[in-house]
Each structure stands twice: as C-alpha cells, then as structure tokens.
Amino acid sequence: MNNMVCTRVGSAAAWPAQVAARETSSDDMLIKRIAGGDQLAMRTLFCRHRVALYRWLLRLVGDETLAEDLLSDVFLDVWRQAASFEARSSVSTWLLAIARYKALSARRRRLDAELDETIASTVADTADDPEVVLQKKDRSELLRHSLERLSPEHGEVIDLVYYHGRSVKDAAEIIGISEATVKTRMFYARRKLADLVAPA
C-alpha cells in the first residue's frame, strides 16, 4: 500500500461507481465490507487514515522506515481482524490503539536487541543550544523540539489530544489508562512544555 494506491482509490477514473460509493461510506461500513473481503474498502480505509497513523507511529518509534513497516502491519491486522471489530469505540480510535501496541512492541524489541550506545544515539538531545533556537525564531520548530524532550508517557498524551484531536476518553482507551491519569499527564506535560518554551 502506498501513495499510488491512494491516488488510484481517490481517482473517479479508476472505479467510477465503486469509488464514489466507498468515499461516502463511514468507517464502520468500510470495516464491515473489509470483514467480507472487500479490497477496495480496505484501500479506502488505508487512504483515509494512513497519514494520521504514520505520524503517530513515527512519534512513537522515531524511525521513518520502521514507522512505514508498522503502518503496513497495522492494516494487515485490520484486514485479518475486521470481523472481530465490536464498535465499542470509533474505528479511528481502534486503529490508533493497534498502532500504539505495535509501536511499543517494536520499541521493546529494539531495546532488547540494541546496545546502550545505539539507544542513546536515538534519544533527543536535552541540551539544545539556545543560540540555535533563537536563530531559527520558529515557534513551531521550538515546540516540536520541546515535544521530543517530554517523556514518552507525556509526549503520547499531548500528541493524541492536541495533534490527533482525541478526547481524554479516547486517549485513555488508546493508551490503556484511566481518564484521570490522562488529565494528570496532560497537566505535567503542559507545565514542562511551558518551561521549555519560555526561555526562547
């Protein structure tokens, strides 16, 4: 699955009647069709959610190639497990939860397999040069670097709520923690971000 697939799915010239019907389908309807073996529904769901899921995976694993591989794994799981989707949450929440599970598993495997030196090289530098930050004068860039300096637990909550627009309830479900814990992490994450951004 790639951009070419999404271009073809999004093109009315490819499958005129079928594509028009799928593009107006809800995610729930697409999942039902996927459970029945509908490959076009699968492509449509992929194209609809791939960017958000890729960004989420990249945030969690910090490696573009690995994020791409995990994205494929997520949709392979969707293809295999569509029939078991119980609609207790939205399809997008379900997809984010699958992606998070795969990212955390990949991170654990990587931590088990790599030497400490290699792991250290993937950690964001917490001692950014203030002159470099000031020269850029780019608040969004500063904010992005600040997000990288949050703990994984705080970073994923901020990412889900502010960048993916998920509710506290959705974030709690995706991460597997209580809503109160999500709110607590958000509080400390915002305070840490304020401290990181303030000097600039």
N, C-alpha and C. Protein backbone atom coordinates (compact mmCIF):
# COMPACT_ATOMS: atom_id res chain seq x y z
N MET A 1 0.85 -1.18 0.00
CA MET A 1 0.00 0.00 0.00
C MET A 1 0.89 1.23 0.00
N ASN A 2 0.58 2.16 -0.88
CA ASN A 2 1.42 3.34 -0.95
C ASN A 2 0.61 4.49 -1.52
N ASN A 3 1.31 5.59 -1.83
CA ASN A 3 0.63 6.77 -2.36
C ASN A 3 -0.08 6.47 -3.67
N MET A 4 0.53 5.59 -4.48
CA MET A 4 -0.07 5.25 -5.76
C MET A 4 -1.43 4.60 -5.56
N VAL A 5 -1.52 3.72 -4.57
CA VAL A 5 -2.80 3.08 -4.27
C VAL A 5 -3.83 4.12 -3.90
N CYS A 6 -3.43 5.08 -3.06
CA CYS A 6 -4.37 6.11 -2.63
C CYS A 6 -4.76 7.02 -3.78
N THR A 7 -3.82 7.28 -4.68
CA THR A 7 -4.14 8.09 -5.85
C THR A 7 -5.18 7.38 -6.71
N ARG A 8 -4.99 6.08 -6.88
CA ARG A 8 -5.93 5.31 -7.69
C ARG A 8 -7.29 5.23 -7.02
N VAL A 9 -7.28 5.04 -5.69
CA VAL A 9 -8.56 4.95 -4.99
C VAL A 9 -9.29 6.27 -5.05
N GLY A 10 -8.51 7.36 -4.97
CA GLY A 10 -9.14 8.68 -4.96
C GLY A 10 -9.55 9.16 -6.34
N SER A 11 -9.18 8.45 -7.37
CA SER A 11 -9.48 8.89 -8.73
C SER A 11 -10.79 8.30 -9.21
N ALA A 12 -11.70 9.17 -9.65
CA ALA A 12 -13.00 8.71 -10.14
C ALA A 12 -12.85 7.91 -11.43
N ALA A 13 -11.70 8.08 -12.09
CA ALA A 13 -11.50 7.35 -13.34
C ALA A 13 -11.17 5.88 -13.10
N ALA A 14 -10.70 5.57 -11.89
CA ALA A 14 -10.27 4.20 -11.61
C ALA A 14 -11.44 3.23 -11.54
N TRP A 15 -12.32 3.43 -10.58
CA TRP A 15 -13.51 2.59 -10.42
C TRP A 15 -14.69 3.53 -10.17
N PRO A 16 -15.23 4.20 -11.19
CA PRO A 16 -16.17 5.30 -11.03
C PRO A 16 -17.27 5.08 -9.99
N ALA A 17 -18.09 4.08 -10.19
CA ALA A 17 -19.24 3.91 -9.29
C ALA A 17 -18.80 3.40 -7.93
N GLN A 18 -17.87 2.44 -7.93
CA GLN A 18 -17.44 1.84 -6.67
C GLN A 18 -16.74 2.85 -5.78
N VAL A 19 -15.82 3.63 -6.36
CA VAL A 19 -15.08 4.60 -5.57
C VAL A 19 -15.99 5.64 -4.97
N ALA A 20 -16.92 6.16 -5.77
CA ALA A 20 -17.85 7.17 -5.27
C ALA A 20 -18.63 6.64 -4.08
N ALA A 21 -19.04 5.38 -4.17
CA ALA A 21 -19.80 4.78 -3.08
C ALA A 21 -18.94 4.63 -1.84
N ARG A 22 -17.69 4.16 -2.01
CA ARG A 22 -16.82 3.92 -0.86
C ARG A 22 -16.43 5.22 -0.17
N GLU A 23 -16.18 6.28 -0.97
CA GLU A 23 -15.72 7.53 -0.38
C GLU A 23 -16.77 8.16 0.53
N THR A 24 -18.03 7.83 0.33
CA THR A 24 -19.08 8.37 1.19
C THR A 24 -19.40 7.40 2.32
N SER A 25 -18.75 6.24 2.35
CA SER A 25 -19.01 5.25 3.38
C SER A 25 -18.39 5.67 4.70
N SER A 26 -19.07 5.32 5.78
CA SER A 26 -18.49 5.55 7.10
C SER A 26 -17.40 4.52 7.34
N ASP A 27 -16.55 4.83 8.31
CA ASP A 27 -15.51 3.87 8.67
C ASP A 27 -16.12 2.55 9.11
N ASP A 28 -17.21 2.61 9.86
CA ASP A 28 -17.85 1.38 10.33
C ASP A 28 -18.30 0.52 9.16
N MET A 29 -18.86 1.16 8.14
CA MET A 29 -19.31 0.43 6.96
C MET A 29 -18.11 -0.18 6.22
N LEU A 30 -17.03 0.58 6.15
CA LEU A 30 -15.83 0.05 5.50
C LEU A 30 -15.32 -1.18 6.22
N ILE A 31 -15.32 -1.16 7.55
CA ILE A 31 -14.86 -2.31 8.32
C ILE A 31 -15.73 -3.54 8.03
N LYS A 32 -17.04 -3.33 7.94
CA LYS A 32 -17.94 -4.44 7.63
C LYS A 32 -17.63 -5.02 6.25
N ARG A 33 -17.35 -4.14 5.30
CA ARG A 33 -17.02 -4.59 3.95
C ARG A 33 -15.67 -5.32 3.92
N ILE A 34 -14.72 -4.79 4.71
CA ILE A 34 -13.40 -5.43 4.80
C ILE A 34 -13.55 -6.83 5.39
N ALA A 35 -14.41 -6.96 6.39
CA ALA A 35 -14.65 -8.28 7.01
C ALA A 35 -15.18 -9.27 5.97
N GLY A 36 -15.84 -8.75 4.95
CA GLY A 36 -16.35 -9.60 3.88
C GLY A 36 -15.37 -9.79 2.73
N GLY A 37 -14.15 -9.27 2.90
CA GLY A 37 -13.13 -9.46 1.87
C GLY A 37 -13.07 -8.39 0.81
N ASP A 38 -13.67 -7.22 1.05
CA ASP A 38 -13.71 -6.13 0.06
C ASP A 38 -12.37 -5.38 0.06
N GLN A 39 -11.57 -5.61 -0.97
CA GLN A 39 -10.25 -4.99 -1.04
C GLN A 39 -10.32 -3.49 -1.31
N LEU A 40 -11.31 -3.05 -2.07
CA LEU A 40 -11.44 -1.62 -2.34
C LEU A 40 -11.79 -0.86 -1.06
N ALA A 41 -12.61 -1.47 -0.21
CA ALA A 41 -12.92 -0.85 1.09
C ALA A 41 -11.64 -0.75 1.92
N MET A 42 -10.80 -1.77 1.83
CA MET A 42 -9.53 -1.76 2.56
C MET A 42 -8.65 -0.62 2.07
N ARG A 43 -8.55 -0.46 0.77
CA ARG A 43 -7.74 0.63 0.21
C ARG A 43 -8.28 1.99 0.64
N THR A 44 -9.60 2.11 0.65
CA THR A 44 -10.23 3.37 1.04
C THR A 44 -9.94 3.71 2.48
N LEU A 45 -10.05 2.72 3.36
CA LEU A 45 -9.76 2.95 4.79
C LEU A 45 -8.30 3.33 4.96
N PHE A 46 -7.43 2.64 4.24
CA PHE A 46 -6.00 2.93 4.32
C PHE A 46 -5.72 4.38 3.92
N CYS A 47 -6.27 4.79 2.81
CA CYS A 47 -6.02 6.14 2.32
C CYS A 47 -6.60 7.20 3.26
N ARG A 48 -7.68 6.86 3.92
CA ARG A 48 -8.34 7.79 4.83
C ARG A 48 -7.53 8.01 6.11
N HIS A 49 -6.83 6.99 6.56
CA HIS A 49 -6.19 7.07 7.88
C HIS A 49 -4.66 6.95 7.88
N ARG A 50 -4.07 6.68 6.74
CA ARG A 50 -2.64 6.38 6.72
C ARG A 50 -1.76 7.53 7.21
N VAL A 51 -2.10 8.78 6.86
CA VAL A 51 -1.24 9.91 7.25
C VAL A 51 -1.24 10.08 8.77
N ALA A 52 -2.43 10.09 9.38
CA ALA A 52 -2.51 10.26 10.84
C ALA A 52 -1.82 9.11 11.56
N LEU A 53 -2.02 7.89 11.07
CA LEU A 53 -1.42 6.72 11.71
C LEU A 53 0.10 6.72 11.55
N TYR A 54 0.57 7.08 10.36
CA TYR A 54 2.02 7.13 10.13
C TYR A 54 2.66 8.15 11.07
N ARG A 55 2.03 9.32 11.19
CA ARG A 55 2.57 10.37 12.07
C ARG A 55 2.62 9.90 13.52
N TRP A 56 1.58 9.21 13.96
CA TRP A 56 1.51 8.67 15.32
C TRP A 56 2.60 7.63 15.55
N LEU A 57 2.76 6.73 14.58
CA LEU A 57 3.80 5.71 14.69
C LEU A 57 5.19 6.33 14.70
N LEU A 58 5.40 7.32 13.86
CA LEU A 58 6.71 7.99 13.80
C LEU A 58 7.01 8.67 15.12
N ARG A 59 6.00 9.26 15.71
CA ARG A 59 6.17 9.91 17.03
C ARG A 59 6.59 8.88 18.08
N LEU A 60 6.03 7.68 17.99
CA LEU A 60 6.31 6.67 19.00
C LEU A 60 7.64 5.94 18.80
N VAL A 61 8.02 5.71 17.54
CA VAL A 61 9.24 4.93 17.30
C VAL A 61 10.42 5.77 16.82
N GLY A 62 10.15 6.98 16.30
CA GLY A 62 11.25 7.85 15.89
C GLY A 62 12.08 7.36 14.73
N ASP A 63 11.51 6.51 13.89
CA ASP A 63 12.25 5.95 12.76
C ASP A 63 11.29 5.82 11.58
N GLU A 64 11.59 6.52 10.48
CA GLU A 64 10.67 6.56 9.34
C GLU A 64 10.44 5.18 8.72
N THR A 65 11.51 4.44 8.53
CA THR A 65 11.39 3.12 7.90
C THR A 65 10.57 2.17 8.78
N LEU A 66 10.86 2.18 10.07
CA LEU A 66 10.12 1.34 11.00
C LEU A 66 8.66 1.75 11.05
N ALA A 67 8.40 3.06 11.04
CA ALA A 67 7.02 3.55 11.06
C ALA A 67 6.25 3.07 9.83
N GLU A 68 6.91 3.09 8.66
CA GLU A 68 6.28 2.59 7.43
C GLU A 68 5.96 1.11 7.55
N ASP A 69 6.91 0.34 8.09
CA ASP A 69 6.69 -1.11 8.25
C ASP A 69 5.53 -1.38 9.21
N LEU A 70 5.51 -0.63 10.30
CA LEU A 70 4.45 -0.82 11.29
C LEU A 70 3.09 -0.41 10.73
N LEU A 71 3.08 0.62 9.89
CA LEU A 71 1.82 1.05 9.26
C LEU A 71 1.24 -0.10 8.43
N SER A 72 2.09 -0.77 7.68
CA SER A 72 1.64 -1.93 6.90
C SER A 72 1.12 -3.03 7.82
N ASP A 73 1.82 -3.24 8.95
CA ASP A 73 1.39 -4.26 9.91
C ASP A 73 0.02 -3.94 10.50
N VAL A 74 -0.20 -2.65 10.78
CA VAL A 74 -1.49 -2.23 11.34
C VAL A 74 -2.62 -2.61 10.39
N PHE A 75 -2.46 -2.28 9.11
CA PHE A 75 -3.54 -2.55 8.17
C PHE A 75 -3.64 -4.03 7.82
N LEU A 76 -2.56 -4.77 7.96
CA LEU A 76 -2.64 -6.22 7.82
C LEU A 76 -3.51 -6.79 8.94
N ASP A 77 -3.32 -6.27 10.15
CA ASP A 77 -4.16 -6.69 11.28
C ASP A 77 -5.62 -6.33 11.05
N VAL A 78 -5.84 -5.13 10.51
CA VAL A 78 -7.22 -4.70 10.23
C VAL A 78 -7.87 -5.68 9.24
N TRP A 79 -7.14 -6.04 8.20
CA TRP A 79 -7.66 -6.98 7.21
C TRP A 79 -8.03 -8.32 7.85
N ARG A 80 -7.16 -8.78 8.76
CA ARG A 80 -7.39 -10.07 9.40
C ARG A 80 -8.44 -10.02 10.51
N GLN A 81 -8.55 -8.87 11.19
CA GLN A 81 -9.38 -8.79 12.38
C GLN A 81 -10.66 -7.98 12.20
N ALA A 82 -10.95 -7.54 11.01
CA ALA A 82 -12.12 -6.69 10.78
C ALA A 82 -13.40 -7.33 11.29
N ALA A 83 -13.51 -8.62 11.13
CA ALA A 83 -14.74 -9.31 11.56
C ALA A 83 -14.91 -9.30 13.07
N SER A 84 -13.81 -9.09 13.81
CA SER A 84 -13.90 -9.09 15.27
C SER A 84 -14.09 -7.69 15.85
N PHE A 85 -14.12 -6.66 14.98
CA PHE A 85 -14.32 -5.29 15.47
C PHE A 85 -15.71 -5.16 16.07
N GLU A 86 -15.79 -4.74 17.33
CA GLU A 86 -17.06 -4.71 18.05
C GLU A 86 -17.68 -3.32 18.15
N ALA A 87 -17.03 -2.31 17.57
CA ALA A 87 -17.57 -0.95 17.55
C ALA A 87 -17.80 -0.37 18.94
N ARG A 88 -17.01 -0.83 19.92
CA ARG A 88 -17.12 -0.23 21.25
C ARG A 88 -16.47 1.15 21.27
N SER A 89 -15.63 1.41 20.30
CA SER A 89 -15.03 2.73 20.11
C SER A 89 -15.07 3.02 18.62
N SER A 90 -14.65 4.23 18.23
CA SER A 90 -14.64 4.56 16.81
C SER A 90 -13.55 3.76 16.11
N VAL A 91 -13.68 3.63 14.81
CA VAL A 91 -12.67 2.91 14.04
C VAL A 91 -11.32 3.59 14.16
N SER A 92 -11.30 4.93 14.14
CA SER A 92 -10.02 5.64 14.23
C SER A 92 -9.34 5.40 15.57
N THR A 93 -10.13 5.31 16.64
CA THR A 93 -9.57 5.01 17.96
C THR A 93 -9.00 3.60 17.97
N TRP A 94 -9.72 2.67 17.37
CA TRP A 94 -9.26 1.28 17.27
C TRP A 94 -7.94 1.21 16.51
N LEU A 95 -7.84 1.95 15.40
CA LEU A 95 -6.62 1.95 14.59
C LEU A 95 -5.44 2.52 15.38
N LEU A 96 -5.67 3.61 16.10
CA LEU A 96 -4.61 4.22 16.90
C LEU A 96 -4.14 3.27 18.00
N ALA A 97 -5.08 2.53 18.58
CA ALA A 97 -4.72 1.57 19.64
C ALA A 97 -3.87 0.43 19.07
N ILE A 98 -4.26 -0.08 17.90
CA ILE A 98 -3.46 -1.13 17.25
C ILE A 98 -2.06 -0.61 16.95
N ALA A 99 -2.00 0.61 16.41
CA ALA A 99 -0.71 1.21 16.05
C ALA A 99 0.16 1.39 17.29
N ARG A 100 -0.43 1.84 18.38
CA ARG A 100 0.34 2.04 19.61
C ARG A 100 0.91 0.71 20.12
N TYR A 101 0.08 -0.32 20.11
CA TYR A 101 0.54 -1.64 20.56
C TYR A 101 1.74 -2.10 19.73
N LYS A 102 1.64 -1.95 18.41
CA LYS A 102 2.71 -2.38 17.54
C LYS A 102 3.98 -1.55 17.75
N ALA A 103 3.80 -0.24 17.94
CA ALA A 103 4.96 0.62 18.17
C ALA A 103 5.66 0.27 19.47
N LEU A 104 4.89 0.05 20.52
CA LEU A 104 5.50 -0.29 21.81
C LEU A 104 6.21 -1.65 21.74
N SER A 105 5.61 -2.60 21.03
CA SER A 105 6.25 -3.90 20.86
C SER A 105 7.56 -3.76 20.10
N ALA A 106 7.55 -2.94 19.05
CA ALA A 106 8.76 -2.72 18.26
C ALA A 106 9.83 -2.04 19.09
N ARG A 107 9.40 -1.09 19.91
CA ARG A 107 10.37 -0.40 20.78
C ARG A 107 11.00 -1.36 21.78
N ARG A 108 10.19 -2.25 22.34
CA ARG A 108 10.71 -3.23 23.29
C ARG A 108 11.72 -4.16 22.60
N ARG A 109 11.38 -4.59 21.39
CA ARG A 109 12.30 -5.47 20.65
C ARG A 109 13.62 -4.74 20.37
N ARG A 110 13.49 -3.48 20.00
CA ARG A 110 14.69 -2.70 19.68
C ARG A 110 15.55 -2.50 20.93
N LEU A 111 14.91 -2.22 22.04
CA LEU A 111 15.65 -2.04 23.29
C LEU A 111 16.35 -3.32 23.71
N ASP A 112 15.69 -4.45 23.46
CA ASP A 112 16.30 -5.74 23.81
C ASP A 112 17.48 -6.06 22.89
N ALA A 113 17.39 -5.61 21.65
CA ALA A 113 18.38 -6.01 20.64
C ALA A 113 19.58 -5.08 20.54
N GLU A 114 19.40 -3.80 20.91
CA GLU A 114 20.46 -2.83 20.67
C GLU A 114 21.31 -2.57 21.91
N LEU A 115 22.51 -2.15 21.70
CA LEU A 115 23.40 -1.78 22.79
C LEU A 115 22.98 -0.42 23.33
N ASP A 116 23.37 -0.14 24.56
CA ASP A 116 23.03 1.14 25.18
C ASP A 116 23.52 2.32 24.35
N GLU A 117 24.66 2.19 23.74
CA GLU A 117 25.22 3.28 22.94
C GLU A 117 24.31 3.61 21.76
N THR A 118 23.76 2.58 21.12
CA THR A 118 22.87 2.80 19.99
C THR A 118 21.58 3.44 20.45
N ILE A 119 21.07 2.98 21.58
CA ILE A 119 19.84 3.55 22.12
C ILE A 119 20.05 5.02 22.44
N ALA A 120 21.19 5.33 23.04
CA ALA A 120 21.47 6.72 23.42
C ALA A 120 21.49 7.64 22.20
N SER A 121 21.93 7.12 21.07
CA SER A 121 22.02 7.96 19.87
C SER A 121 20.65 8.31 19.31
N THR A 122 19.60 7.57 19.70
CA THR A 122 18.26 7.86 19.20
C THR A 122 17.48 8.78 20.12
N VAL A 123 18.04 9.08 21.30
CA VAL A 123 17.34 9.93 22.26
C VAL A 123 17.60 11.39 21.92
N ALA A 124 16.55 12.20 21.96
CA ALA A 124 16.70 13.61 21.65
C ALA A 124 17.65 14.29 22.64
N ASP A 125 18.49 15.17 22.14
CA ASP A 125 19.42 15.89 22.99
C ASP A 125 18.66 16.88 23.85
N THR A 126 18.80 16.76 25.16
CA THR A 126 18.06 17.64 26.07
C THR A 126 18.79 18.95 26.31
N ALA A 127 19.99 19.11 25.73
CA ALA A 127 20.75 20.33 25.94
C ALA A 127 20.90 21.09 24.62
N ASP A 128 19.75 21.45 24.02
CA ASP A 128 19.79 22.22 22.78
C ASP A 128 20.52 23.54 23.00
N ASP A 129 21.28 23.94 22.01
CA ASP A 129 22.00 25.21 22.07
C ASP A 129 20.99 26.36 21.96
N PRO A 130 20.89 27.23 22.98
CA PRO A 130 19.91 28.33 22.95
C PRO A 130 20.12 29.25 21.76
N GLU A 131 21.37 29.44 21.34
CA GLU A 131 21.63 30.32 20.20
C GLU A 131 21.01 29.77 18.92
N VAL A 132 21.07 28.46 18.77
CA VAL A 132 20.49 27.83 17.57
C VAL A 132 18.98 28.04 17.58
N VAL A 133 18.37 27.84 18.75
CA VAL A 133 16.92 28.01 18.86
C VAL A 133 16.52 29.44 18.54
N LEU A 134 17.27 30.40 19.09
CA LEU A 134 16.95 31.81 18.86
C LEU A 134 17.15 32.21 17.41
N GLN A 135 18.18 31.63 16.77
CA GLN A 135 18.44 31.96 15.36
C GLN A 135 17.29 31.51 14.48
N LYS A 136 16.74 30.37 14.77
CA LYS A 136 15.64 29.87 13.95
C LYS A 136 14.39 30.74 14.09
N LYS A 137 14.15 31.25 15.29
CA LYS A 137 12.99 32.08 15.57
C LYS A 137 11.72 31.45 15.02
N ASP A 138 11.63 30.19 15.17
CA ASP A 138 10.49 29.47 14.62
C ASP A 138 9.79 28.75 15.77
N ARG A 139 8.67 29.28 16.20
CA ARG A 139 7.99 28.75 17.38
C ARG A 139 7.54 27.30 17.17
N SER A 140 7.07 26.98 15.98
CA SER A 140 6.62 25.61 15.74
C SER A 140 7.78 24.63 15.81
N GLU A 141 8.94 25.06 15.31
CA GLU A 141 10.13 24.21 15.38
C GLU A 141 10.56 24.03 16.84
N LEU A 142 10.50 25.13 17.59
CA LEU A 142 10.84 25.06 19.00
C LEU A 142 9.89 24.13 19.74
N LEU A 143 8.60 24.25 19.42
CA LEU A 143 7.62 23.40 20.07
C LEU A 143 7.85 21.93 19.73
N ARG A 144 8.18 21.65 18.47
CA ARG A 144 8.45 20.27 18.06
C ARG A 144 9.63 19.70 18.84
N HIS A 145 10.70 20.48 18.96
CA HIS A 145 11.86 20.02 19.71
C HIS A 145 11.52 19.83 21.19
N SER A 146 10.68 20.72 21.70
CA SER A 146 10.28 20.61 23.11
C SER A 146 9.46 19.34 23.33
N LEU A 147 8.59 19.01 22.38
CA LEU A 147 7.79 17.79 22.49
C LEU A 147 8.69 16.55 22.54
N GLU A 148 9.78 16.59 21.78
CA GLU A 148 10.70 15.46 21.75
C GLU A 148 11.39 15.27 23.10
N ARG A 149 11.44 16.33 23.89
CA ARG A 149 12.11 16.27 25.17
C ARG A 149 11.18 15.83 26.30
N LEU A 150 9.90 15.68 26.00
CA LEU A 150 8.99 15.15 27.01
C LEU A 150 9.22 13.65 27.17
N SER A 151 8.79 13.13 28.29
CA SER A 151 8.86 11.68 28.47
C SER A 151 7.91 11.03 27.47
N PRO A 152 8.13 9.75 27.11
CA PRO A 152 7.21 9.08 26.18
C PRO A 152 5.76 9.12 26.67
N GLU A 153 5.56 8.96 27.97
CA GLU A 153 4.21 8.95 28.53
C GLU A 153 3.52 10.30 28.35
N HIS A 154 4.25 11.38 28.61
CA HIS A 154 3.67 12.72 28.46
C HIS A 154 3.52 13.08 26.98
N GLY A 155 4.54 12.70 26.19
CA GLY A 155 4.51 13.04 24.76
C GLY A 155 3.34 12.42 24.02
N GLU A 156 3.02 11.15 24.33
CA GLU A 156 1.94 10.49 23.59
C GLU A 156 0.58 11.08 23.94
N VAL A 157 0.42 11.53 25.19
CA VAL A 157 -0.86 12.16 25.58
C VAL A 157 -1.04 13.48 24.85
N ILE A 158 0.01 14.31 24.82
CA ILE A 158 -0.06 15.59 24.11
C ILE A 158 -0.32 15.36 22.63
N ASP A 159 0.37 14.39 22.06
CA ASP A 159 0.21 14.07 20.64
C ASP A 159 -1.23 13.67 20.32
N LEU A 160 -1.78 12.77 21.12
CA LEU A 160 -3.15 12.29 20.88
C LEU A 160 -4.18 13.40 21.02
N VAL A 161 -4.08 14.18 22.10
CA VAL A 161 -5.12 15.17 22.40
C VAL A 161 -5.01 16.40 21.51
N TYR A 162 -3.80 16.92 21.34
CA TYR A 162 -3.66 18.18 20.61
C TYR A 162 -3.42 18.02 19.11
N TYR A 163 -2.72 16.98 18.71
CA TYR A 163 -2.42 16.82 17.29
C TYR A 163 -3.38 15.88 16.58
N HIS A 164 -3.89 14.90 17.29
CA HIS A 164 -4.86 13.99 16.68
C HIS A 164 -6.29 14.36 17.07
N GLY A 165 -6.46 15.34 17.95
CA GLY A 165 -7.79 15.81 18.32
C GLY A 165 -8.63 14.79 19.06
N ARG A 166 -7.98 13.86 19.77
CA ARG A 166 -8.72 12.84 20.50
C ARG A 166 -9.20 13.40 21.83
N SER A 167 -10.32 12.90 22.29
CA SER A 167 -10.83 13.30 23.61
C SER A 167 -10.00 12.62 24.69
N VAL A 168 -10.17 13.10 25.93
CA VAL A 168 -9.48 12.48 27.06
C VAL A 168 -9.91 11.01 27.16
N LYS A 169 -11.20 10.77 26.94
CA LYS A 169 -11.71 9.39 27.00
C LYS A 169 -11.05 8.52 25.94
N ASP A 170 -10.96 9.02 24.71
CA ASP A 170 -10.32 8.25 23.64
C ASP A 170 -8.85 7.97 23.97
N ALA A 171 -8.16 9.02 24.45
CA ALA A 171 -6.74 8.86 24.79
C ALA A 171 -6.56 7.79 25.86
N ALA A 172 -7.44 7.81 26.85
CA ALA A 172 -7.36 6.81 27.92
C ALA A 172 -7.55 5.40 27.36
N GLU A 173 -8.49 5.27 26.43
CA GLU A 173 -8.76 3.96 25.84
C GLU A 173 -7.60 3.47 24.98
N ILE A 174 -7.02 4.37 24.20
CA ILE A 174 -5.92 4.02 23.31
C ILE A 174 -4.69 3.60 24.11
N ILE A 175 -4.39 4.36 25.17
CA ILE A 175 -3.18 4.10 25.95
C ILE A 175 -3.41 2.97 26.97
N GLY A 176 -4.66 2.83 27.42
CA GLY A 176 -4.96 1.80 28.40
C GLY A 176 -4.77 2.27 29.83
N ILE A 177 -5.10 3.55 30.07
CA ILE A 177 -5.01 4.12 31.41
C ILE A 177 -6.32 4.81 31.74
N SER A 178 -6.48 5.28 32.97
CA SER A 178 -7.71 5.97 33.36
C SER A 178 -7.73 7.39 32.80
N GLU A 179 -8.94 7.96 32.70
CA GLU A 179 -9.06 9.34 32.24
C GLU A 179 -8.36 10.29 33.20
N ALA A 180 -8.41 9.98 34.49
CA ALA A 180 -7.74 10.83 35.49
C ALA A 180 -6.23 10.86 35.25
N THR A 181 -5.67 9.71 34.88
CA THR A 181 -4.23 9.64 34.61
C THR A 181 -3.89 10.44 33.35
N VAL A 182 -4.77 10.38 32.34
CA VAL A 182 -4.55 11.19 31.13
C VAL A 182 -4.50 12.67 31.50
N LYS A 183 -5.47 13.11 32.33
CA LYS A 183 -5.52 14.52 32.72
C LYS A 183 -4.28 14.92 33.52
N THR A 184 -3.84 14.03 34.38
CA THR A 184 -2.64 14.33 35.18
C THR A 184 -1.42 14.46 34.27
N ARG A 185 -1.29 13.53 33.32
CA ARG A 185 -0.15 13.60 32.40
C ARG A 185 -0.20 14.85 31.54
N MET A 186 -1.41 15.24 31.11
CA MET A 186 -1.56 16.46 30.33
C MET A 186 -1.12 17.67 31.13
N PHE A 187 -1.49 17.71 32.40
CA PHE A 187 -1.14 18.84 33.26
C PHE A 187 0.37 18.98 33.36
N TYR A 188 1.05 17.88 33.68
CA TYR A 188 2.50 17.93 33.83
C TYR A 188 3.21 18.16 32.50
N ALA A 189 2.65 17.61 31.43
CA ALA A 189 3.25 17.81 30.10
C ALA A 189 3.16 19.27 29.69
N ARG A 190 2.00 19.90 29.91
CA ARG A 190 1.85 21.32 29.56
C ARG A 190 2.78 22.19 30.38
N ARG A 191 2.94 21.85 31.66
CA ARG A 191 3.83 22.63 32.52
C ARG A 191 5.28 22.49 32.05
N LYS A 192 5.67 21.27 31.69
CA LYS A 192 7.03 21.05 31.19
C LYS A 192 7.24 21.78 29.88
N LEU A 193 6.26 21.74 28.97
CA LEU A 193 6.38 22.46 27.70
C LEU A 193 6.53 23.96 27.93
N ALA A 194 5.76 24.48 28.87
CA ALA A 194 5.84 25.92 29.18
C ALA A 194 7.25 26.28 29.64
N ASP A 195 7.84 25.42 30.48
CA ASP A 195 9.20 25.66 30.96
C ASP A 195 10.21 25.61 29.83
N LEU A 196 9.99 24.68 28.88
CA LEU A 196 10.92 24.51 27.77
C LEU A 196 10.83 25.65 26.76
N VAL A 197 9.62 26.13 26.53
CA VAL A 197 9.40 27.17 25.51
C VAL A 197 9.71 28.55 26.06
N ALA A 198 9.48 28.76 27.36
CA ALA A 198 9.61 30.10 27.96
C ALA A 198 10.96 30.77 27.71
N PRO A 199 12.09 30.07 27.86
CA PRO A 199 13.38 30.75 27.68
C PRO A 199 13.58 31.38 26.31
N ALA A 200 12.90 30.82 25.29
CA ALA A 200 13.06 31.35 23.94
C ALA A 200 12.17 32.54 23.71
